[in-house]
């Protein structure tokens, strides 16, 4: 019987790989899950900046009478298609998550730690879909919209951890850098999450709400944007300190490159942020900024997980058939 790895067609090998997984194919699906969950944050931003948030005004149906977009006298077909497209991306994310679960179940030897991580994906997608229904039913309330984005950020983190774990063993964590440098990395993660939280607050206060009927946070936009910028400065400072510490201590090359890459992404994101601010927040740059925020989060996770590694788990010695301990 031919295995998926023997099929001459690359697409067929890809589609069959969860049923006949290898460590490499499993890792590939895990990385695909990171990309898929990052992608849905961008498609969600496209819905908002095009004013299509209520293009499908009901949930789970698109219109009261149909699950798919149909001509309606009170609705624009263009906004319906944009919103419906975002809903379709959910099925792509779910499909990739199911592929990861199947890979974990079929991988030999099976790794229970990876299976538990993969199960978070379909559960998270279902939770996201249900919350998306709440977003629609609350008429794009900025709080529900913000949580919708943050749930995707949490799922991206779970997917990244899975990807990282597929490329290492199940042994105990072994630090690759000094303890204080790892602590700096541990501080950086919540700092970046705080930056994302400040970002969604600024988004929920400013323009591009997704629909003219949507409400906004009752906050001063200038103050919120300044707070967002202040947290960004803090994150850049922490990242520079991490990159500098890794450089002067002769840390492994992967860790140094990951920190420098993160710093580069943050600086580019800062340029995009200031550009959109001085150009009165054009819709296109808002979408790019959301992509940049997601990349900052992914590169942060990459930098922090590069500070340690897990070796292969040591197998316990087999018991002696005579019951007498073997001689050392």
Protein backbone atom coordinates (compact mmCIF):
# COMPACT_ATOMS: atom_id res chain seq x y z
CA UNK A 1 0.00 0.00 0.00
CA UNK A 2 1.38 3.40 -0.98
CA UNK A 3 2.07 5.84 1.81
CA UNK A 4 1.29 9.55 1.41
CA UNK A 5 5.03 10.25 1.31
CA UNK A 6 5.37 8.01 -1.79
CA UNK A 7 2.72 9.69 -3.96
CA UNK A 8 4.16 11.55 -6.98
CA UNK A 9 1.71 14.48 -6.66
CA UNK A 10 2.82 17.03 -4.08
CA UNK A 11 -0.71 18.26 -3.39
CA UNK A 12 -1.92 14.71 -2.72
CA UNK A 13 1.07 14.10 -0.43
CA UNK A 14 0.15 17.26 1.47
CA UNK A 15 -3.51 16.34 1.85
CA UNK A 16 -2.71 12.78 2.95
CA UNK A 17 0.16 13.72 5.26
CA UNK A 18 -2.01 14.06 8.41
CA UNK A 19 -3.00 10.39 7.98
CA UNK A 20 0.61 9.27 7.48
CA UNK A 21 2.46 12.00 9.38
CA UNK A 22 6.17 12.42 9.77
CA UNK A 23 7.84 14.74 12.24
CA UNK A 24 8.54 17.13 9.35
CA UNK A 25 4.97 17.13 7.97
CA UNK A 26 3.52 17.60 11.47
CA UNK A 27 5.80 20.58 12.00
CA UNK A 28 4.65 21.98 8.66
CA UNK A 29 0.98 21.75 9.65
CA UNK A 30 1.77 23.40 12.98
CA UNK A 31 3.43 26.30 11.17
CA UNK A 32 0.45 26.47 8.82
CA UNK A 33 -1.80 26.85 11.87
CA UNK A 34 0.23 29.87 12.95
CA UNK A 35 -0.17 31.41 9.50
CA UNK A 36 -3.90 30.59 9.30
CA UNK A 37 -4.70 32.13 12.67
CA UNK A 38 -2.61 35.19 11.81
CA UNK A 39 -4.40 35.41 8.48
CA UNK A 40 -7.85 35.56 10.02
CA UNK A 41 -6.83 38.60 12.06
CA UNK A 42 -5.99 40.33 8.78
CA UNK A 43 -9.23 39.24 7.08
CA UNK A 44 -11.10 40.50 10.15
CA UNK A 45 -9.35 43.85 9.80
CA UNK A 46 -10.38 43.95 6.12
CA UNK A 47 -13.99 43.53 7.21
CA UNK A 48 -13.69 46.45 9.58
CA UNK A 49 -11.85 48.93 7.37
CA UNK A 50 -14.20 48.30 4.43
CA UNK A 51 -17.25 48.96 6.62
CA UNK A 52 -18.47 45.40 6.12
CA UNK A 53 -18.85 44.43 9.77
CA UNK A 54 -22.61 44.05 9.41
CA UNK A 55 -22.50 42.93 5.78
CA UNK A 56 -24.03 39.71 7.08
CA UNK A 57 -26.34 41.16 9.73
CA UNK A 58 -27.32 37.81 11.27
CA UNK A 59 -25.46 34.80 12.64
CA UNK A 60 -24.95 31.97 11.84
CA UNK A 61 -26.87 32.87 8.68
CA UNK A 62 -25.61 35.66 6.47
CA UNK A 63 -29.13 36.99 6.00
CA UNK A 64 -32.28 35.97 7.89
CA UNK A 65 -33.16 33.56 5.06
CA UNK A 66 -29.79 32.32 3.80
CA UNK A 67 -26.42 31.06 5.01
CA UNK A 68 -24.72 32.55 1.93
CA UNK A 69 -24.92 36.05 0.46
CA UNK A 70 -28.04 36.65 -1.62
CA UNK A 71 -29.42 39.82 -3.16
CA UNK A 72 -31.15 41.93 -0.55
CA UNK A 73 -32.71 45.37 -1.03
CA UNK A 74 -31.28 46.77 2.19
CA UNK A 75 -27.80 45.24 2.02
CA UNK A 76 -24.81 45.79 -0.23
CA UNK A 77 -23.64 42.64 -1.98
CA UNK A 78 -20.03 43.89 -1.76
CA UNK A 79 -20.10 44.18 2.03
CA UNK A 80 -21.89 40.85 2.32
CA UNK A 81 -19.18 39.15 0.27
CA UNK A 82 -16.40 40.67 2.39
CA UNK A 83 -17.99 39.59 5.67
CA UNK A 84 -18.92 36.16 4.29
CA UNK A 85 -15.35 35.73 3.04
CA UNK A 86 -14.08 36.30 6.56
CA UNK A 87 -16.47 33.63 7.81
CA UNK A 88 -15.12 31.21 5.19
CA UNK A 89 -11.57 31.80 6.46
CA UNK A 90 -12.78 30.31 9.76
CA UNK A 91 -13.31 26.98 7.99
CA UNK A 92 -9.77 27.12 6.62
CA UNK A 93 -8.40 27.71 10.12
CA UNK A 94 -10.54 24.83 11.40
CA UNK A 95 -9.33 22.51 8.62
CA UNK A 96 -5.69 23.22 9.46
CA UNK A 97 -6.43 22.65 13.15
CA UNK A 98 -8.07 19.30 12.38
CA UNK A 99 -5.02 18.33 10.30
CA UNK A 100 -2.82 19.07 13.32
CA UNK A 101 -5.03 16.95 15.60
CA UNK A 102 -5.02 14.06 13.14
CA UNK A 103 -1.24 14.31 12.76
CA UNK A 104 -0.82 14.16 16.53
CA UNK A 105 -3.10 11.13 16.78
CA UNK A 106 -1.39 9.23 13.97
CA UNK A 107 2.23 10.13 14.72
CA UNK A 108 4.36 7.26 15.98
CA UNK A 109 5.57 7.27 18.61
CA UNK A 110 2.67 9.37 19.81
CA UNK A 111 3.50 12.44 21.90
CA UNK A 112 0.74 13.22 24.38
CA UNK A 113 2.02 16.76 25.00
CA UNK A 114 1.55 17.61 21.32
CA UNK A 115 -1.90 16.05 21.17
CA UNK A 116 -3.11 18.25 24.03
CA UNK A 117 -1.78 21.34 22.26
CA UNK A 118 -3.48 20.44 18.99
CA UNK A 119 -6.84 20.02 20.69
CA UNK A 120 -6.74 23.69 21.64
CA UNK A 121 -7.07 24.64 17.98
CA UNK A 122 -10.49 23.25 17.00
CA UNK A 123 -11.82 24.20 20.44
CA UNK A 124 -10.45 27.71 19.98
CA UNK A 125 -11.93 28.04 16.49
CA UNK A 126 -15.36 27.04 17.78
CA UNK A 127 -15.05 29.55 20.62
CA UNK A 128 -14.02 32.22 18.11
CA UNK A 129 -16.97 31.44 15.86
CA UNK A 130 -19.39 31.67 18.77
CA UNK A 131 -17.86 34.94 19.88
CA UNK A 132 -18.09 36.20 16.30
CA UNK A 133 -21.83 35.63 16.52
CA UNK A 134 -21.87 37.76 19.66
CA UNK A 135 -19.96 40.49 17.82
CA UNK A 136 -22.70 40.61 15.18
CA UNK A 137 -25.53 40.44 17.70
CA UNK A 138 -24.04 43.34 19.72
CA UNK A 139 -23.80 45.46 16.56
CA UNK A 140 -19.99 45.52 16.60
CA UNK A 141 -19.64 46.67 20.18
CA UNK A 142 -15.96 47.69 20.50
CA UNK A 143 -15.47 45.47 23.55
CA UNK A 144 -16.66 42.32 21.75
CA UNK A 145 -14.66 43.25 18.64
CA UNK A 146 -11.52 43.74 20.75
CA UNK A 147 -11.93 40.39 22.49
CA UNK A 148 -12.46 38.77 19.09
CA UNK A 149 -9.00 39.93 18.02
CA UNK A 150 -7.36 39.03 21.32
CA UNK A 151 -8.78 35.50 21.14
CA UNK A 152 -7.01 35.10 17.82
CA UNK A 153 -3.80 36.35 19.42
CA UNK A 154 -4.09 33.70 22.15
CA UNK A 155 -4.68 31.02 19.50
CA UNK A 156 -1.63 32.20 17.57
CA UNK A 157 0.42 31.75 20.75
CA UNK A 158 -0.91 28.20 21.24
CA UNK A 159 -0.11 27.37 17.62
CA UNK A 160 3.40 28.78 17.91
CA UNK A 161 4.08 26.73 21.04
CA UNK A 162 2.87 23.65 19.16
CA UNK A 163 5.15 24.45 16.21
CA UNK A 164 8.12 24.93 18.51
CA UNK A 165 7.39 21.70 20.38
CA UNK A 166 7.23 19.70 17.13
CA UNK A 167 10.84 20.70 16.54
CA UNK A 168 12.16 19.59 19.92
CA UNK A 169 11.88 16.70 22.35
CA UNK A 170 9.80 16.07 25.45
CA UNK A 171 12.66 16.37 27.93
CA UNK A 172 12.87 19.08 30.59
CA UNK A 173 13.51 22.67 29.55
CA UNK A 174 17.20 23.46 29.13
CA UNK A 175 18.09 27.18 29.20
CA UNK A 176 20.38 28.41 26.43
CA UNK A 177 21.10 31.80 28.01
CA UNK A 178 21.65 33.28 31.46
CA UNK A 179 18.70 33.18 33.86
CA UNK A 180 18.33 36.97 33.94
CA UNK A 181 18.13 37.16 30.15
CA UNK A 182 15.34 34.58 30.17
CA UNK A 183 13.54 36.70 32.76
CA UNK A 184 13.84 39.67 30.43
CA UNK A 185 12.18 37.57 27.74
CA UNK A 186 9.41 36.60 30.16
CA UNK A 187 8.77 40.29 30.84
CA UNK A 188 8.69 41.05 27.12
CA UNK A 189 5.73 38.74 26.42
CA UNK A 190 3.21 40.47 28.74
CA UNK A 191 4.58 43.84 27.63
CA UNK A 192 3.77 43.03 24.00
CA UNK A 193 0.35 41.73 25.00
CA UNK A 194 -0.23 45.04 26.83
CA UNK A 195 0.78 46.80 23.61
CA UNK A 196 -1.84 44.81 21.69
CA UNK A 197 -4.41 45.62 24.37
CA UNK A 198 -3.63 49.33 24.06
CA UNK A 199 -3.86 48.96 20.29
CA UNK A 200 -7.35 47.46 20.29
CA UNK A 201 -8.44 50.16 22.74
CA UNK A 202 -7.19 52.82 20.32
CA UNK A 203 -8.92 51.02 17.47
CA UNK A 204 -12.18 50.82 19.42
CA UNK A 205 -12.01 54.54 20.09
CA UNK A 206 -11.03 55.78 16.63
CA UNK A 207 -12.54 55.51 13.14
CA UNK A 208 -13.15 52.39 11.01
CA UNK A 209 -15.62 50.77 13.35
CA UNK A 210 -16.85 48.33 10.72
CA UNK A 211 -20.26 49.94 10.27
CA UNK A 212 -21.78 53.36 10.79
CA UNK A 213 -24.17 51.86 13.37
CA UNK A 214 -21.32 50.54 15.55
CA UNK A 215 -20.59 52.22 18.88
CA UNK A 216 -17.19 53.42 20.05
CA UNK A 217 -15.34 53.52 23.37
CA UNK A 218 -16.13 56.80 25.13
CA UNK A 219 -12.47 57.76 25.52
CA UNK A 220 -10.26 60.61 24.37
CA UNK A 221 -8.59 59.35 21.21
CA UNK A 222 -5.48 61.49 21.67
CA UNK A 223 -4.87 60.12 25.16
CA UNK A 224 -5.42 56.54 24.05
CA UNK A 225 -3.04 56.89 21.11
CA UNK A 226 -0.37 58.43 23.35
CA UNK A 227 -0.72 55.54 25.79
CA UNK A 228 -0.37 53.11 22.91
CA UNK A 229 2.79 54.88 21.76
CA UNK A 230 4.25 54.90 25.29
CA UNK A 231 3.77 51.14 25.63
CA UNK A 232 5.35 50.72 22.19
CA UNK A 233 8.44 52.63 23.36
CA UNK A 234 8.65 50.35 26.38
CA UNK A 235 8.43 47.24 24.20
CA UNK A 236 11.13 48.50 21.83
CA UNK A 237 13.37 49.31 24.80
CA UNK A 238 12.93 45.83 26.27
CA UNK A 239 13.61 44.26 22.90
CA UNK A 240 16.77 46.31 22.41
CA UNK A 241 17.94 45.31 25.88
CA UNK A 242 17.29 41.64 25.04
CA UNK A 243 19.17 41.85 21.74
CA UNK A 244 22.08 43.67 23.38
CA UNK A 245 22.30 41.18 26.26
CA UNK A 246 22.27 38.24 23.86
CA UNK A 247 25.01 39.87 21.81
CA UNK A 248 27.42 40.64 24.64
CA UNK A 249 26.95 37.25 26.32
CA UNK A 250 27.65 35.25 23.18
CA UNK A 251 24.21 33.62 23.10
CA UNK A 252 23.36 31.05 20.40
CA UNK A 253 22.98 32.48 16.91
CA UNK A 254 19.30 31.56 16.64
CA UNK A 255 18.44 33.54 19.77
CA UNK A 256 20.41 36.59 18.61
CA UNK A 257 18.84 36.56 15.16
CA UNK A 258 15.34 36.14 16.60
CA UNK A 259 15.76 39.16 18.87
CA UNK A 260 17.14 41.33 16.06
CA UNK A 261 14.30 40.25 13.76
CA UNK A 262 11.78 41.21 16.42
CA UNK A 263 13.41 44.61 16.83
CA UNK A 264 13.26 45.16 13.07
CA UNK A 265 9.56 44.23 12.89
CA UNK A 266 8.78 46.55 15.80
CA UNK A 267 10.57 49.50 14.19
CA UNK A 268 8.78 48.91 10.89
CA UNK A 269 5.47 48.70 12.75
CA UNK A 270 6.29 52.01 14.42
CA UNK A 271 6.86 53.63 11.02
CA UNK A 272 3.49 52.32 9.82
CA UNK A 273 1.79 53.55 12.98
CA UNK A 274 3.14 57.08 12.75
CA UNK A 275 2.43 57.22 9.01
CA UNK A 276 -1.21 56.27 9.47
CA UNK A 277 -1.51 58.78 12.31
CA UNK A 278 -0.19 61.71 10.25
CA UNK A 279 -2.25 60.65 7.21
CA UNK A 280 -5.49 60.69 9.26
CA UNK A 281 -5.70 56.90 9.60
CA UNK A 282 -6.34 55.68 6.03
CA UNK A 283 -8.15 52.36 5.87
CA UNK A 284 -5.43 50.50 3.98
CA UNK A 285 -2.72 51.36 6.51
CA UNK A 286 -5.01 50.28 9.36
CA UNK A 287 -5.16 46.82 7.82
CA UNK A 288 -1.37 46.78 7.38
CA UNK A 289 -0.97 47.88 10.99
CA UNK A 290 -3.10 44.95 12.17
CA UNK A 291 -0.88 42.60 10.16
CA UNK A 292 2.16 44.24 11.73
CA UNK A 293 0.73 43.82 15.23
CA UNK A 294 0.20 40.11 14.62
CA UNK A 295 3.74 39.75 13.29
CA UNK A 296 5.15 41.55 16.33
CA UNK A 297 3.37 38.99 18.52
CA UNK A 298 4.65 36.03 16.49
CA UNK A 299 8.21 37.33 16.40
CA UNK A 300 8.04 37.95 20.16
CA UNK A 301 7.07 34.34 20.75
CA UNK A 302 9.85 33.23 18.43
CA UNK A 303 12.44 35.31 20.28
CA UNK A 304 11.39 34.09 23.73
CA UNK A 305 11.17 30.41 22.79
CA UNK A 306 14.63 30.64 21.24
CA UNK A 307 16.07 31.25 24.72
CA UNK A 308 15.54 27.62 25.73
CA UNK A 309 15.22 24.14 24.26
CA UNK A 310 13.87 20.73 25.15
CA UNK A 311 16.03 17.70 24.42
CA UNK A 312 14.67 14.25 23.75
CA UNK A 313 13.14 12.65 26.84
CA UNK A 314 15.35 10.04 28.46
CA UNK A 315 13.84 6.58 28.38
CA UNK A 316 13.73 4.64 31.63
CA UNK A 317 15.92 1.50 31.54
CA UNK A 318 14.01 -1.70 30.87
CA UNK A 319 13.59 -3.89 33.95
CA UNK A 320 15.83 -6.96 34.21
CA UNK A 321 13.95 -10.17 33.33
CA UNK A 322 15.52 -11.85 36.39
CA UNK A 323 14.50 -9.09 38.75
CA UNK A 324 18.19 -8.44 39.56
CA UNK A 325 19.49 -4.94 38.78
CA UNK A 326 21.82 -4.95 35.83
CA UNK A 327 25.46 -4.28 36.52
CA UNK A 328 26.68 -0.78 35.69
